[in-house]
Amino acid sequence: MDAILEAAMDAAEPAPGLRWLDVGCGTGNLLRVIKAGWQPAALWGLDPIDWLADDLREEVEFRRLGAEQALDVPVADRVMMIEVIEHLEAPWTALRAAARLVAPGGRIVVSTPNLASLRTRLELGVRGRFTAFRPENDVHVSPAPPHVTARILREEGLLPEPPRYAGSDVIPLTGGRVWPAPLMRRSPVLTSVSVIVAAGRPRPVLAAG
């Protein structure tokens, strides 16, 4: 997960003085990274379950909400959905709601299990299922292809970037060995466990006058 968080933060293009919203913040690991390293102007966390760590409660404005319920949440410069939408029964509704919270000039970053890894392709071909969505993994309910994520963000007025990939996946038939970094750099789509889609909201163009 550390590699995914690092890649997600890189995609967010962090800077001091920004307002951050973590959708599906859990215990607040990502918010802690932002607080420690980027001097945020504000930190918000949303989650339908209140399990935010006690040491973050003074700095984080937490709301016990799902993304699709975030109707009165202020807009943010950075909206993060890290390994979240695969857990949601209505992922595209939640993604649209999160996208609408991106301020002009801001960015959203969405990560989710990579459906195009070599391990997943082999398992889909042989057993007819995605690796991250096996029957026993009942917390994962919604596969999210990156082109669909990008399309939803585009429909909400954002400009999606090409997908990025993070986290070394397991090499098939090796008993748990993961791909080495050189091979990940050469073929990130096949070797990564997570895919990241980032998008920015353009600033309005002011009329000359």
Protein backbone atom coordinates (compact mmCIF):
# COMPACT_ATOMS: atom_id res chain seq x y z
CA MET A 1 0.00 0.00 0.00
CA ASP A 2 2.91 2.38 0.61
CA ALA A 3 3.84 2.27 -3.09
CA ILE A 4 0.26 3.05 -4.05
CA LEU A 5 0.06 5.99 -1.63
CA GLU A 6 3.37 7.33 -2.92
CA ALA A 7 2.22 7.10 -6.54
CA ALA A 8 -1.14 8.66 -5.68
CA MET A 9 0.56 11.58 -3.98
CA ASP A 10 2.81 12.05 -6.98
CA ALA A 11 -0.27 12.12 -9.24
CA ALA A 12 -1.89 14.70 -6.94
CA GLU A 13 0.94 17.18 -7.56
CA PRO A 14 0.99 18.33 -3.92
CA ALA A 15 1.96 21.81 -2.80
CA PRO A 16 1.72 23.74 0.47
CA GLY A 17 -1.46 25.60 1.29
CA LEU A 18 -3.96 23.35 -0.47
CA ARG A 19 -7.34 22.07 0.73
CA TRP A 20 -7.45 18.26 0.71
CA LEU A 21 -10.40 15.87 0.81
CA ASP A 22 -9.87 12.14 1.33
CA VAL A 23 -12.96 10.18 0.29
CA GLY A 24 -13.05 6.86 2.13
CA CYS A 25 -10.35 8.06 4.51
CA GLY A 26 -10.44 5.04 6.86
CA THR A 27 -8.02 5.54 9.75
CA GLY A 28 -6.40 8.50 7.99
CA ASN A 29 -3.09 7.15 6.69
CA LEU A 30 -3.15 9.39 3.63
CA LEU A 31 -4.25 12.43 5.61
CA ARG A 32 -1.35 11.86 7.99
CA VAL A 33 1.09 11.90 5.07
CA ILE A 34 -0.39 15.15 3.79
CA LYS A 35 -0.39 16.75 7.24
CA ALA A 36 3.25 15.82 7.88
CA GLY A 37 4.67 16.85 4.54
CA TRP A 38 2.59 19.49 2.79
CA GLN A 39 1.33 22.19 5.19
CA PRO A 40 -2.31 21.86 4.10
CA ALA A 41 -4.74 24.76 4.42
CA ALA A 42 -7.50 22.29 5.32
CA LEU A 43 -7.99 18.54 5.69
CA TRP A 44 -11.34 16.83 5.27
CA GLY A 45 -12.10 13.14 5.54
CA LEU A 46 -15.24 11.26 4.51
CA ASP A 47 -16.10 7.71 5.44
CA PRO A 48 -19.36 5.91 6.25
CA ILE A 49 -17.55 4.33 9.21
CA ASP A 50 -15.88 6.51 11.84
CA TRP A 51 -12.52 4.88 12.39
CA LEU A 52 -10.33 7.97 12.02
CA ALA A 53 -7.27 7.76 14.28
CA ASP A 54 -7.52 9.84 17.46
CA ASP A 55 -4.32 11.77 16.78
CA LEU A 56 -5.84 13.25 13.58
CA ARG A 57 -9.13 14.47 14.97
CA GLU A 58 -7.96 17.98 15.84
CA GLU A 59 -6.56 18.64 12.34
CA VAL A 60 -9.08 16.74 10.19
CA GLU A 61 -12.69 17.75 9.70
CA PHE A 62 -14.29 14.31 9.55
CA ARG A 63 -17.78 13.62 8.27
CA ARG A 64 -19.45 10.26 8.54
CA LEU A 65 -20.70 10.14 4.97
CA GLY A 66 -20.36 8.17 1.80
CA ALA A 67 -19.17 10.12 -1.23
CA GLU A 68 -22.60 10.10 -2.84
CA GLN A 69 -23.98 11.85 0.27
CA ALA A 70 -21.43 14.66 0.27
CA LEU A 71 -23.82 17.40 -0.83
CA ASP A 72 -22.68 20.15 1.57
CA VAL A 73 -18.96 19.37 1.69
CA PRO A 74 -16.80 22.33 0.58
CA VAL A 75 -14.87 22.04 -2.65
CA ALA A 76 -11.21 21.04 -2.33
CA ASP A 77 -8.04 21.59 -4.30
CA ARG A 78 -7.19 17.89 -4.10
CA VAL A 79 -9.78 15.10 -3.89
CA MET A 80 -8.39 11.62 -3.24
CA MET A 81 -10.15 8.25 -3.67
CA ILE A 82 -7.44 5.72 -2.96
CA GLU A 83 -8.46 2.04 -3.19
CA VAL A 84 -12.06 2.99 -2.48
CA ILE A 85 -14.41 2.65 -5.44
CA GLU A 86 -13.98 -1.13 -5.68
CA HIS A 87 -15.69 -1.33 -2.26
CA LEU A 88 -18.78 0.66 -3.29
CA GLU A 89 -22.10 -0.66 -4.52
CA ALA A 90 -22.64 2.50 -6.60
CA PRO A 91 -19.08 3.44 -7.60
CA TRP A 92 -19.95 5.74 -10.51
CA THR A 93 -22.47 7.74 -8.49
CA ALA A 94 -19.83 8.19 -5.78
CA LEU A 95 -17.18 9.13 -8.34
CA ARG A 96 -19.43 11.76 -9.90
CA ALA A 97 -20.14 13.24 -6.47
CA ALA A 98 -16.43 13.33 -5.63
CA ALA A 99 -15.59 14.91 -9.00
CA ARG A 100 -18.02 17.74 -8.33
CA LEU A 101 -16.04 18.62 -5.19
CA VAL A 102 -12.89 19.44 -7.16
CA ALA A 103 -12.27 23.19 -7.11
CA PRO A 104 -11.29 25.08 -10.28
CA GLY A 105 -7.61 24.42 -10.85
CA GLY A 106 -7.81 21.37 -8.57
CA ARG A 107 -7.21 17.68 -9.13
CA ILE A 108 -8.78 14.35 -8.30
CA VAL A 109 -6.82 11.10 -7.95
CA VAL A 110 -8.54 7.70 -8.09
CA SER A 111 -6.81 4.37 -7.55
CA THR A 112 -8.28 0.89 -7.74
CA PRO A 113 -7.13 -2.69 -8.46
CA ASN A 114 -5.55 -3.09 -11.90
CA LEU A 115 -7.74 -5.35 -14.04
CA ALA A 116 -5.12 -5.63 -16.79
CA SER A 117 -2.22 -7.21 -14.89
CA LEU A 118 -0.78 -10.46 -16.20
CA ARG A 119 -2.00 -12.35 -13.13
CA THR A 120 -5.54 -11.06 -13.61
CA ARG A 121 -5.51 -11.81 -17.34
CA LEU A 122 -4.47 -15.39 -16.72
CA GLU A 123 -7.01 -15.92 -13.96
CA LEU A 124 -9.76 -14.38 -16.06
CA GLY A 125 -8.88 -16.64 -18.99
CA VAL A 126 -8.60 -19.84 -16.95
CA ARG A 127 -11.17 -19.34 -14.18
CA GLY A 128 -13.36 -16.53 -15.51
CA ARG A 129 -12.80 -14.09 -12.65
CA PHE A 130 -10.72 -11.07 -11.71
CA THR A 131 -7.95 -11.75 -9.18
CA ALA A 132 -8.95 -8.84 -6.91
CA PHE A 133 -12.62 -9.89 -7.03
CA ARG A 134 -12.48 -13.55 -6.10
CA PRO A 135 -15.59 -14.87 -4.32
CA GLU A 136 -13.81 -14.99 -0.97
CA ASN A 137 -12.80 -11.31 -1.27
CA ASP A 138 -16.28 -10.09 -0.45
CA VAL A 139 -15.25 -6.49 0.34
CA HIS A 140 -14.45 -5.91 -3.35
CA VAL A 141 -17.70 -5.60 -5.26
CA SER A 142 -17.15 -3.17 -8.16
CA PRO A 143 -14.41 -3.58 -10.79
CA ALA A 144 -13.52 -0.17 -12.22
CA PRO A 145 -11.77 -0.09 -15.61
CA PRO A 146 -9.66 3.06 -15.98
CA HIS A 147 -11.28 4.09 -19.27
CA VAL A 148 -14.67 4.18 -17.54
CA THR A 149 -13.24 6.17 -14.63
CA ALA A 150 -11.77 8.63 -17.13
CA ARG A 151 -15.04 8.89 -19.02
CA ILE A 152 -17.00 9.69 -15.86
CA LEU A 153 -14.48 12.36 -14.84
CA ARG A 154 -14.60 13.87 -18.34
CA GLU A 155 -18.39 14.02 -18.19
CA GLU A 156 -18.04 15.97 -14.93
CA GLY A 157 -15.90 18.62 -16.59
CA LEU A 158 -12.44 17.35 -15.69
CA LEU A 159 -9.50 16.55 -17.96
CA PRO A 160 -8.27 12.97 -17.31
CA GLU A 161 -4.63 12.05 -17.80
CA PRO A 162 -3.29 8.70 -19.06
CA PRO A 163 -3.45 5.97 -16.38
CA ARG A 164 -0.51 5.41 -14.07
CA TYR A 165 0.33 2.13 -12.36
CA ALA A 166 1.68 1.34 -8.90
CA GLY A 167 2.48 -1.51 -6.54
CA SER A 168 4.27 -4.67 -7.65
CA ASP A 169 1.87 -7.53 -8.39
CA VAL A 170 2.57 -11.21 -7.75
CA ILE A 171 4.26 -13.10 -10.60
CA PRO A 172 1.94 -15.95 -11.63
CA LEU A 173 2.96 -19.47 -10.62
CA THR A 174 5.90 -18.36 -8.45
CA GLY A 175 4.46 -18.91 -5.00
CA GLY A 176 4.17 -15.23 -4.14
CA ARG A 177 7.23 -13.58 -5.70
CA VAL A 178 6.59 -10.05 -6.94
CA TRP A 179 7.81 -8.35 -10.08
CA PRO A 180 11.21 -6.63 -9.77
CA ALA A 181 11.43 -2.89 -10.33
CA PRO A 182 13.18 -3.06 -13.75
CA LEU A 183 10.37 -5.19 -15.21
CA MET A 184 7.74 -2.93 -13.64
CA ARG A 185 9.28 0.07 -15.35
CA ARG A 186 9.28 -1.76 -18.70
CA SER A 187 5.71 -3.07 -18.49
CA PRO A 188 3.73 -1.35 -15.72
CA VAL A 189 0.33 -2.43 -17.02
CA LEU A 190 1.15 -6.15 -16.72
CA THR A 191 3.11 -6.00 -13.47
CA SER A 192 1.26 -3.52 -11.24
CA VAL A 193 -1.42 -4.26 -8.70
CA SER A 194 -3.12 -0.85 -8.86
CA VAL A 195 -4.12 1.63 -11.56
CA ILE A 196 -4.35 5.37 -10.92
CA VAL A 197 -6.40 7.89 -12.86
CA ALA A 198 -5.80 11.59 -12.18
CA ALA A 199 -7.75 14.48 -13.66
CA GLY A 200 -7.74 18.24 -13.31
CA ARG A 201 -10.51 20.82 -13.43
CA PRO A 202 -9.60 23.77 -15.65
CA ARG A 203 -9.77 27.25 -14.25
CA PRO A 204 -12.44 29.40 -15.84
CA VAL A 205 -11.25 31.64 -18.65
CA LEU A 206 -11.81 35.28 -17.81
CA ALA A 207 -13.18 37.41 -20.58
CA ALA A 208 -10.93 40.24 -21.69
CA GLY A 209 -12.32 43.64 -20.94
